[in-house]
PDB file of N, CA and C in Angstrom:
ATOM      1  N   UNK A   1       1.058  -1.386   0.161  1.00  0.00           N
ATOM      2  CA  UNK A   1      -0.074   0.092   0.080  1.00  0.00           C
ATOM      3  C   UNK A   1       0.900   1.216  -0.008  1.00  0.00           C
ATOM      4  N   UNK A   2       0.557   2.264  -0.907  1.00  0.00           N
ATOM      5  CA  UNK A   2       1.341   3.717  -0.931  1.00  0.00           C
ATOM      6  C   UNK A   2       0.248   4.370  -0.900  1.00  0.00           C
ATOM      7  N   UNK A   3       0.812   5.553   0.392  1.00  0.00           N
ATOM      8  CA  UNK A   3      -0.308   6.373   0.845  1.00  0.00           C
ATOM      9  C   UNK A   3       0.492   7.782   0.223  1.00  0.00           C
ATOM     10  N   UNK A   4      -0.543   8.558  -0.281  1.00  0.00           N
ATOM     11  CA  UNK A   4      -0.315   9.626  -1.147  1.00  0.00           C
ATOM     12  C   UNK A   4      -1.289  11.289  -0.352  1.00  0.00           C
ATOM     13  N   UNK A   5      -0.334  12.092  -0.160  1.00  0.00           N
ATOM     14  CA  UNK A   5      -1.166  12.907   0.627  1.00  0.00           C
ATOM     15  C   UNK A   5      -0.918  14.099  -0.113  1.00  0.00           C
ATOM     16  N   UNK A   6      -1.746  14.860   0.026  1.00  0.00           N
ATOM     17  CA  UNK A   6      -2.143  16.400  -0.845  1.00  0.00           C
ATOM     18  C   UNK A   6      -2.089  17.649   0.350  1.00  0.00           C
ATOM     19  N   UNK A   7      -1.710  18.690  -0.185  1.00  0.00           N
ATOM     20  CA  UNK A   7      -2.206  19.843   0.599  1.00  0.00           C
ATOM     21  C   UNK A   7      -2.302  21.030  -0.818  1.00  0.00           C
ATOM     22  N   UNK A   8      -3.490  21.441  -0.600  1.00  0.00           N
ATOM     23  CA  UNK A   8      -4.326  22.014  -2.284  1.00  0.00           C
ATOM     24  C   UNK A   8      -4.291  23.552  -1.630  1.00  0.00           C
ATOM     25  N   UNK A   9      -3.553  24.610  -2.119  1.00  0.00           N
ATOM     26  CA  UNK A   9      -4.064  25.971  -2.092  1.00  0.00           C
ATOM     27  C   UNK A   9      -2.941  26.516  -0.579  1.00  0.00           C
ATOM     28  N   UNK A  10      -3.312  27.705  -0.479  1.00  0.00           N
ATOM     29  CA  UNK A  10      -2.353  28.368   0.757  1.00  0.00           C
ATOM     30  C   UNK A  10      -2.837  27.673   1.778  1.00  0.00           C
ATOM     31  N   UNK A  11      -1.550  27.388   2.922  1.00  0.00           N
ATOM     32  CA  UNK A  11      -2.029  26.603   4.241  1.00  0.00           C
ATOM     33  C   UNK A  11      -1.494  27.942   5.179  1.00  0.00           C
ATOM     34  N   UNK A  12      -1.583  27.802   6.109  1.00  0.00           N
ATOM     35  CA  UNK A  12      -0.824  28.347   7.502  1.00  0.00           C
ATOM     36  C   UNK A  12      -0.679  27.293   8.418  1.00  0.00           C
ATOM     37  N   UNK A  13      -0.529  25.567   7.822  1.00  0.00           N
ATOM     38  CA  UNK A  13      -0.318  24.656   9.165  1.00  0.00           C
ATOM     39  C   UNK A  13       0.970  23.835   8.981  1.00  0.00           C
ATOM     40  N   UNK A  14       0.998  22.792   9.523  1.00  0.00           N
ATOM     41  CA  UNK A  14       2.727  22.207   9.444  1.00  0.00           C
ATOM     42  C   UNK A  14       2.070  21.132   8.139  1.00  0.00           C
ATOM     43  N   UNK A  15       2.561  21.226   7.404  1.00  0.00           N
ATOM     44  CA  UNK A  15       2.623  20.058   6.701  1.00  0.00           C
ATOM     45  C   UNK A  15       3.484  18.617   6.942  1.00  0.00           C
ATOM     46  N   UNK A  16       4.282  18.721   8.110  1.00  0.00           N
ATOM     47  CA  UNK A  16       5.354  17.606   8.488  1.00  0.00           C
ATOM     48  C   UNK A  16       4.495  16.269   8.557  1.00  0.00           C
ATOM     49  N   UNK A  17       3.207  16.208   8.998  1.00  0.00           N
ATOM     50  CA  UNK A  17       2.506  14.990   9.095  1.00  0.00           C
ATOM     51  C   UNK A  17       2.066  14.375   8.265  1.00  0.00           C
ATOM     52  N   UNK A  18       1.429  15.375   7.360  1.00  0.00           N
ATOM     53  CA  UNK A  18       1.394  14.821   5.799  1.00  0.00           C
ATOM     54  C   UNK A  18       2.607  14.233   4.800  1.00  0.00           C
ATOM     55  N   UNK A  19       3.537  14.756   5.130  1.00  0.00           N
ATOM     56  CA  UNK A  19       4.944  14.325   4.700  1.00  0.00           C
ATOM     57  C   UNK A  19       5.414  13.301   5.010  1.00  0.00           C
ATOM     58  N   UNK A  20       5.268  13.082   6.434  1.00  0.00           N
ATOM     59  CA  UNK A  20       5.761  11.685   7.291  1.00  0.00           C
ATOM     60  C   UNK A  20       4.384  10.570   6.893  1.00  0.00           C
ATOM     61  N   UNK A  21       3.437  10.850   6.912  1.00  0.00           N
ATOM     62  CA  UNK A  21       2.391   9.807   6.608  1.00  0.00           C
ATOM     63  C   UNK A  21       2.631   9.204   5.222  1.00  0.00           C
ATOM     64  N   UNK A  22       3.024   9.990   3.939  1.00  0.00           N
ATOM     65  CA  UNK A  22       3.644   9.701   2.678  1.00  0.00           C
ATOM     66  C   UNK A  22       4.616   8.299   2.395  1.00  0.00           C
ATOM     67  N   UNK A  23       5.619   9.396   3.310  1.00  0.00           N
ATOM     68  CA  UNK A  23       6.872   8.680   3.244  1.00  0.00           C
ATOM     69  C   UNK A  23       6.991   7.611   4.002  1.00  0.00           C
ATOM     70  N   UNK A  24       6.287   7.469   5.232  1.00  0.00           N
ATOM     71  CA  UNK A  24       6.351   6.061   5.703  1.00  0.00           C
ATOM     72  C   UNK A  24       5.771   4.899   5.359  1.00  0.00           C
ATOM     73  N   UNK A  25       5.050   5.324   4.559  1.00  0.00           N
ATOM     74  CA  UNK A  25       4.114   4.375   3.514  1.00  0.00           C
ATOM     75  C   UNK A  25       4.346   4.303   2.186  1.00  0.00           C
ATOM     76  N   UNK A  26       5.645   4.464   1.884  1.00  0.00           N
ATOM     77  CA  UNK A  26       6.181   3.938   0.651  1.00  0.00           C
ATOM     78  C   UNK A  26       5.186   5.168  -0.676  1.00  0.00           C
ATOM     79  N   UNK A  27       4.326   6.196  -0.063  1.00  0.00           N
ATOM     80  CA  UNK A  27       3.878   7.091  -0.936  1.00  0.00           C
ATOM     81  C   UNK A  27       4.604   8.114  -1.076  1.00  0.00           C
ATOM     82  N   UNK A  28       4.085   9.416  -1.417  1.00  0.00           N
ATOM     83  CA  UNK A  28       4.683  10.866  -1.888  1.00  0.00           C
ATOM     84  C   UNK A  28       3.558  11.940  -1.418  1.00  0.00           C
ATOM     85  N   UNK A  29       4.233  13.058  -1.119  1.00  0.00           N
ATOM     86  CA  UNK A  29       3.601  14.070  -0.608  1.00  0.00           C
ATOM     87  C   UNK A  29       3.708  15.365  -1.837  1.00  0.00           C
ATOM     88  N   UNK A  30       2.127  15.835  -2.241  1.00  0.00           N
ATOM     89  CA  UNK A  30       2.220  16.911  -2.979  1.00  0.00           C
ATOM     90  C   UNK A  30       1.781  18.425  -2.335  1.00  0.00           C
ATOM     91  N   UNK A  31       2.440  19.573  -3.076  1.00  0.00           N
ATOM     92  CA  UNK A  31       2.189  20.693  -2.232  1.00  0.00           C
ATOM     93  C   UNK A  31       1.270  20.922  -3.797  1.00  0.00           C
ATOM     94  N   UNK A  32      -0.070  21.209  -3.874  1.00  0.00           N
ATOM     95  CA  UNK A  32      -0.382  21.824  -5.292  1.00  0.00           C
ATOM     96  C   UNK A  32      -0.979  23.223  -4.898  1.00  0.00           C
ATOM     97  N   UNK A  33      -0.218  23.943  -5.902  1.00  0.00           N
ATOM     98  CA  UNK A  33      -0.841  25.484  -5.369  1.00  0.00           C
ATOM     99  C   UNK A  33      -2.053  25.913  -5.800  1.00  0.00           C
ATOM    100  N   UNK A  34      -2.833  25.393  -6.630  1.00  0.00           N
ATOM    101  CA  UNK A  34      -4.437  26.118  -6.733  1.00  0.00           C
ATOM    102  C   UNK A  34      -5.217  24.601  -6.917  1.00  0.00           C
ATOM    103  N   UNK A  35      -6.423  25.073  -6.969  1.00  0.00           N
ATOM    104  CA  UNK A  35      -7.318  23.456  -7.579  1.00  0.00           C
ATOM    105  C   UNK A  35      -7.133  23.504  -9.052  1.00  0.00           C
ATOM    106  N   UNK A  36      -7.078  24.705  -9.719  1.00  0.00           N
ATOM    107  CA  UNK A  36      -6.618  24.664 -10.953  1.00  0.00           C
ATOM    108  C   UNK A  36      -5.208  23.605 -11.412  1.00  0.00           C
ATOM    109  N   UNK A  37      -4.559  23.440 -10.266  1.00  0.00           N
ATOM    110  CA  UNK A  37      -3.127  22.834 -10.706  1.00  0.00           C
ATOM    111  C   UNK A  37      -3.399  21.251 -10.483  1.00  0.00           C
ATOM    112  N   UNK A  38      -4.498  20.679 -10.158  1.00  0.00           N
ATOM    113  CA  UNK A  38      -4.519  19.405  -9.434  1.00  0.00           C
ATOM    114  C   UNK A  38      -4.400  18.497 -10.612  1.00  0.00           C
ATOM    115  N   UNK A  39      -4.897  18.521 -11.527  1.00  0.00           N
ATOM    116  CA  UNK A  39      -4.472  17.585 -12.712  1.00  0.00           C
ATOM    117  C   UNK A  39      -3.115  17.362 -12.948  1.00  0.00           C
ATOM    118  N   UNK A  40      -2.175  18.256 -13.082  1.00  0.00           N
ATOM    119  CA  UNK A  40      -1.177  18.352 -13.748  1.00  0.00           C
ATOM    120  C   UNK A  40      -0.151  17.745 -12.330  1.00  0.00           C
ATOM    121  N   UNK A  41      -0.285  18.054 -11.246  1.00  0.00           N
ATOM    122  CA  UNK A  41       0.617  17.325 -10.065  1.00  0.00           C
ATOM    123  C   UNK A  41       0.199  16.108  -9.646  1.00  0.00           C
ATOM    124  N   UNK A  42      -1.422  15.907  -9.895  1.00  0.00           N
ATOM    125  CA  UNK A  42      -1.115  14.507  -9.444  1.00  0.00           C
ATOM    126  C   UNK A  42      -0.989  13.295 -10.390  1.00  0.00           C
ATOM    127  N   UNK A  43      -0.885  13.890 -11.794  1.00  0.00           N
ATOM    128  CA  UNK A  43      -0.322  13.084 -12.722  1.00  0.00           C
ATOM    129  C   UNK A  43       1.258  12.150 -12.618  1.00  0.00           C
ATOM    130  N   UNK A  44       1.790  13.113 -11.547  1.00  0.00           N
ATOM    131  CA  UNK A  44       3.326  12.742 -11.155  1.00  0.00           C
ATOM    132  C   UNK A  44       2.894  11.627 -10.633  1.00  0.00           C
ATOM    133  N   UNK A  45       2.343  11.256  -9.944  1.00  0.00           N
ATOM    134  CA  UNK A  45       2.105  10.084  -8.474  1.00  0.00           C
ATOM    135  C   UNK A  45       2.616   8.716  -9.636  1.00  0.00           C
ATOM    136  N   UNK A  46       2.493   8.763 -10.729  1.00  0.00           N
ATOM    137  CA  UNK A  46       1.982   7.663 -11.401  1.00  0.00           C
ATOM    138  C   UNK A  46       3.617   6.854 -11.497  1.00  0.00           C
ATOM    139  N   UNK A  47       4.570   7.787 -11.873  1.00  0.00           N
ATOM    140  CA  UNK A  47       6.060   7.018 -11.604  1.00  0.00           C
ATOM    141  C   UNK A  47       6.336   6.093 -10.115  1.00  0.00           C
ATOM    142  N   UNK A  48       5.896   7.241  -8.840  1.00  0.00           N
ATOM    143  CA  UNK A  48       5.570   6.372  -7.759  1.00  0.00           C
ATOM    144  C   UNK A  48       4.894   5.085  -7.414  1.00  0.00           C
ATOM    145  N   UNK A  49       3.726   5.155  -8.638  1.00  0.00           N
ATOM    146  CA  UNK A  49       2.711   3.598  -8.302  1.00  0.00           C
ATOM    147  C   UNK A  49       3.824   2.642  -8.919  1.00  0.00           C
ATOM    148  N   UNK A  50       4.393   2.705  -9.975  1.00  0.00           N
ATOM    149  CA  UNK A  50       5.231   2.336 -10.672  1.00  0.00           C
ATOM    150  C   UNK A  50       6.346   1.283  -9.879  1.00  0.00           C
ATOM    151  N   UNK A  51       6.589   1.717  -8.576  1.00  0.00           N
ATOM    152  CA  UNK A  51       7.886   1.442  -7.915  1.00  0.00           C
ATOM    153  C   UNK A  51       7.367  -0.069  -7.639  1.00  0.00           C
ATOM    154  N   UNK A  52       8.147  -1.275  -7.514  1.00  0.00           N
ATOM    155  CA  UNK A  52       7.856  -2.316  -7.180  1.00  0.00           C
ATOM    156  C   UNK A  52       7.372  -2.567  -5.570  1.00  0.00           C
ATOM    157  N   UNK A  53       6.518  -3.245  -5.031  1.00  0.00           N
ATOM    158  CA  UNK A  53       6.119  -3.363  -3.665  1.00  0.00           C
ATOM    159  C   UNK A  53       6.890  -4.750  -3.019  1.00  0.00           C
ATOM    160  N   UNK A  54       7.793  -4.802  -3.473  1.00  0.00           N
ATOM    161  CA  UNK A  54       8.663  -6.555  -2.959  1.00  0.00           C
ATOM    162  C   UNK A  54       8.520  -6.851  -1.149  1.00  0.00           C
ATOM    163  N   UNK A  55       7.868  -5.422  -0.397  1.00  0.00           N
ATOM    164  CA  UNK A  55       7.854  -5.977   0.758  1.00  0.00           C
ATOM    165  C   UNK A  55       6.212  -5.959   1.228  1.00  0.00           C
ATOM    166  N   UNK A  56       5.538  -6.062   0.404  1.00  0.00           N
ATOM    167  CA  UNK A  56       4.192  -5.994   0.844  1.00  0.00           C
ATOM    168  C   UNK A  56       3.609  -7.645   1.076  1.00  0.00           C
ATOM    169  N   UNK A  57       4.096  -8.695   0.563  1.00  0.00           N
ATOM    170  CA  UNK A  57       4.107  -9.994   0.891  1.00  0.00           C
ATOM    171  C   UNK A  57       2.627 -10.459   0.993  1.00  0.00           C
ATOM    172  N   UNK A  58       2.428 -11.032   2.299  1.00  0.00           N
ATOM    173  CA  UNK A  58       0.849 -11.393   2.301  1.00  0.00           C
ATOM    174  C   UNK A  58      -0.460 -10.230   2.466  1.00  0.00           C
ATOM    175  N   UNK A  59      -0.038  -9.166   2.912  1.00  0.00           N
ATOM    176  CA  UNK A  59      -0.653  -7.997   3.280  1.00  0.00           C
ATOM    177  C   UNK A  59      -1.234  -7.521   2.132  1.00  0.00           C
ATOM    178  N   UNK A  60      -0.626  -7.371   0.833  1.00  0.00           N
ATOM    179  CA  UNK A  60      -1.128  -7.060  -0.448  1.00  0.00           C
ATOM    180  C   UNK A  60      -2.140  -7.947  -0.594  1.00  0.00           C
ATOM    181  N   UNK A  61      -2.683  -9.028  -0.046  1.00  0.00           N
ATOM    182  CA  UNK A  61      -3.814  -9.728  -0.431  1.00  0.00           C
ATOM    183  C   UNK A  61      -5.189  -9.008   0.558  1.00  0.00           C
ATOM    184  N   UNK A  62      -4.841  -8.247   1.322  1.00  0.00           N
ATOM    185  CA  UNK A  62      -5.804  -7.915   2.062  1.00  0.00           C
ATOM    186  C   UNK A  62      -6.821  -6.561   1.331  1.00  0.00           C
ATOM    187  N   UNK A  63      -5.884  -6.131   0.159  1.00  0.00           N
ATOM    188  CA  UNK A  63      -6.444  -4.654  -0.242  1.00  0.00           C
ATOM    189  C   UNK A  63      -7.658  -5.008  -0.906  1.00  0.00           C
ATOM    190  N   UNK A  64      -8.336  -3.963  -0.823  1.00  0.00           N
ATOM    191  CA  UNK A  64      -9.927  -4.306  -1.198  1.00  0.00           C
ATOM    192  C   UNK A  64      -9.869  -3.083  -2.336  1.00  0.00           C
ATOM    193  N   UNK A  65     -10.223  -3.930  -3.607  1.00  0.00           N
ATOM    194  CA  UNK A  65     -10.314  -2.776  -4.725  1.00  0.00           C
ATOM    195  C   UNK A  65     -11.628  -2.266  -5.233  1.00  0.00           C
ATOM    196  N   UNK A  66     -11.633  -1.284  -5.813  1.00  0.00           N
ATOM    197  CA  UNK A  66     -13.304  -0.907  -6.577  1.00  0.00           C
ATOM    198  C   UNK A  66     -12.861  -1.012  -7.836  1.00  0.00           C
ATOM    199  N   UNK A  67     -14.627  -1.022  -8.404  1.00  0.00           N
ATOM    200  CA  UNK A  67     -14.316  -0.853  -9.657  1.00  0.00           C
ATOM    201  C   UNK A  67     -14.142   0.570 -10.405  1.00  0.00           C
ATOM    202  N   UNK A  68     -13.655   0.438 -11.234  1.00  0.00           N
ATOM    203  CA  UNK A  68     -13.249   1.546 -12.371  1.00  0.00           C
ATOM    204  C   UNK A  68     -14.795   2.872 -12.464  1.00  0.00           C
ATOM    205  N   UNK A  69     -14.592   3.959 -11.762  1.00  0.00           N
ATOM    206  CA  UNK A  69     -15.469   4.631 -11.779  1.00  0.00           C
ATOM    207  C   UNK A  69     -14.945   5.995 -12.086  1.00  0.00           C
ATOM    208  N   UNK A  70     -15.749   6.965 -12.588  1.00  0.00           N
ATOM    209  CA  UNK A  70     -15.357   8.711 -12.879  1.00  0.00           C
ATOM    210  C   UNK A  70     -15.178   9.498 -11.881  1.00  0.00           C
ATOM    211  N   UNK A  71     -13.850   9.892 -11.859  1.00  0.00           N
ATOM    212  CA  UNK A  71     -13.670  10.803 -10.865  1.00  0.00           C
ATOM    213  C   UNK A  71     -14.544  12.049 -10.675  1.00  0.00           C
ATOM    214  N   UNK A  72     -15.024  12.539  -9.521  1.00  0.00           N
ATOM    215  CA  UNK A  72     -15.745  13.601  -9.193  1.00  0.00           C
ATOM    216  C   UNK A  72     -15.207  14.755  -9.412  1.00  0.00           C
ATOM    217  N   UNK A  73     -13.872  15.120  -9.740  1.00  0.00           N
ATOM    218  CA  UNK A  73     -13.435  16.185  -9.912  1.00  0.00           C
ATOM    219  C   UNK A  73     -13.166  16.726 -11.694  1.00  0.00           C
ATOM    220  N   UNK A  74     -13.581  15.463 -12.121  1.00  0.00           N
ATOM    221  CA  UNK A  74     -13.370  15.342 -13.668  1.00  0.00           C
ATOM    222  C   UNK A  74     -11.883  14.886 -14.138  1.00  0.00           C
ATOM    223  N   UNK A  75     -11.205  14.195 -13.166  1.00  0.00           N
ATOM    224  CA  UNK A  75      -9.791  14.182 -13.722  1.00  0.00           C
ATOM    225  C   UNK A  75      -9.426  12.442 -14.367  1.00  0.00           C
ATOM    226  N   UNK A  76     -11.139  12.366 -14.826  1.00  0.00           N
ATOM    227  CA  UNK A  76     -10.874  10.729 -15.284  1.00  0.00           C
ATOM    228  C   UNK A  76     -11.448   9.804 -14.553  1.00  0.00           C
ATOM    229  N   UNK A  77     -11.106   8.268 -15.121  1.00  0.00           N
ATOM    230  CA  UNK A  77     -11.759   7.162 -14.776  1.00  0.00           C
ATOM    231  C   UNK A  77     -10.629   6.748 -13.471  1.00  0.00           C
ATOM    232  N   UNK A  78     -10.664   6.577 -12.541  1.00  0.00           N
ATOM    233  CA  UNK A  78     -10.053   5.821 -11.393  1.00  0.00           C
ATOM    234  C   UNK A  78     -10.545   4.688 -10.860  1.00  0.00           C
ATOM    235  N   UNK A  79      -9.637   3.885 -10.045  1.00  0.00           N
ATOM    236  CA  UNK A  79      -9.771   3.044  -9.369  1.00  0.00           C
ATOM    237  C   UNK A  79      -9.124   3.310  -7.614  1.00  0.00           C
ATOM    238  N   UNK A  80      -9.656   2.543  -6.889  1.00  0.00           N
ATOM    239  CA  UNK A  80      -9.104   2.943  -5.479  1.00  0.00           C
ATOM    240  C   UNK A  80      -8.832   1.388  -4.837  1.00  0.00           C
ATOM    241  N   UNK A  81      -7.808   1.663  -4.133  1.00  0.00           N
ATOM    242  CA  UNK A  81      -7.641   0.427  -3.544  1.00  0.00           C
ATOM    243  C   UNK A  81      -7.460   0.923  -1.913  1.00  0.00           C
ATOM    244  N   UNK A  82      -8.068   0.080  -0.897  1.00  0.00           N
ATOM    245  CA  UNK A  82      -7.803   0.363   0.246  1.00  0.00           C
ATOM    246  C   UNK A  82      -7.469  -0.364   1.260  1.00  0.00           C
ATOM    247  N   UNK A  83      -7.309  -0.475   2.412  1.00  0.00           N
ATOM    248  CA  UNK A  83      -6.269  -1.257   3.412  1.00  0.00           C
ATOM    249  C   UNK A  83      -6.280  -0.884   4.548  1.00  0.00           C
ATOM    250  N   UNK A  84      -6.968  -1.329   5.643  1.00  0.00           N
ATOM    251  CA  UNK A  84      -7.239  -1.166   7.012  1.00  0.00           C
ATOM    252  C   UNK A  84      -5.497  -0.556   7.553  1.00  0.00           C
ATOM    253  N   UNK A  85      -5.581   0.505   8.476  1.00  0.00           N
ATOM    254  CA  UNK A  85      -4.760   1.241   8.854  1.00  0.00           C
ATOM    255  C   UNK A  85      -3.992   0.724  10.178  1.00  0.00           C
ATOM    256  N   UNK A  86      -5.425   0.023  10.975  1.00  0.00           N
ATOM    257  CA  UNK A  86      -5.464  -0.509  11.807  1.00  0.00           C
ATOM    258  C   UNK A  86      -6.182  -2.032  11.797  1.00  0.00           C
ATOM    259  N   UNK A  87      -5.476  -3.113  11.966  1.00  0.00           N
ATOM    260  CA  UNK A  87      -5.785  -4.323  11.885  1.00  0.00           C
ATOM    261  C   UNK A  87      -6.164  -4.770  13.299  1.00  0.00           C
ATOM    262  N   UNK A  88      -6.703  -4.777  14.056  1.00  0.00           N
ATOM    263  CA  UNK A  88      -7.140  -5.557  15.576  1.00  0.00           C
ATOM    264  C   UNK A  88      -7.145  -6.781  15.699  1.00  0.00           C
ATOM    265  N   UNK A  89      -7.151  -7.370  14.893  1.00  0.00           N
ATOM    266  CA  UNK A  89      -7.656  -8.978  14.878  1.00  0.00           C
ATOM    267  C   UNK A  89      -6.206  -9.753  15.150  1.00  0.00           C
TER     268      UNK A  89
END
């Protein structure tokens, strides 16, 4: 599982937790300057998605995938994979 975090627009808060969350989970943190720049900036994460997940092991089998659906912001067709953050079993 890779976690991608985004910060959109002007902000006056600490982004360190967002950066840590992404980096600790083999993902990437993006600062997007405005709503209009979302499409361009989110396309950059495709390179990160292409990285091998050699450490995933059996945990990867727990991922729940959605069917392909149209993104609400008009960014095209997307698919979502989810995995529990806390597994208490």
